[in-house]
Amino acid sequence: MKKIMVVSDTHKHHRNLARALEQAGTPDLLIHLGDAEGYEDYIADMAGCPLEIVSGNNDFFCDLPREQEIMVGGKKALVTHGHYYGVSIDLSGIADEARSRGCEIAFFGHTHKPVIAQKDGVLVINPGSLSYPRQSGHKSSYVVLNTDIRGNVEAEIKYLD
């Protein structure tokens, strides 16, 4: 079984990322969905595991990829910040893009609101924000994925204690 931690929108505030890593335990992989604002090397050092990271709408002048396609538990996943796909309005754009690339999972951030949902046959996952949560209750959030040897993926939204 592998544990994957998904975060987004840390916006230079790393105390909550450190707390989330402590709370969840060191993952096998950390996925950061953008808006690291130049701190990708710091985050990589902090993670203590491999890091996949993409650029967000506040990541100016960086060399991070705009998006990536990776394998997660035997499933192809789109990793993006999401702002190019209208995620603040609805999830159809991100689901359509993922499906057009043969992806079963779409990871995105940008809205600062956590969500795990099926949309048009695609599992869409937003971990929310550890720094500036915008959902009701405004609790800092992240997602933990557990994958098994059969390729099953279980995702759960976690909130900082």
Foldseek 3Di string as FASTA:
>chain_A
DFKEWEAEQAQCPCPLVLLVCVVVPQGQEYEYAENPQPCPVVVCVSRPHHYQYAYDPNNPPDPGHQWDWDADLNFIEIRHQCPVQPVVPHCPRQVVVCVVVRGQEYEHEDVLEFDFDADPRHTYTYFHHQHAHDDVVGFRWIKMWDHDNNSDIDIDIDTRD
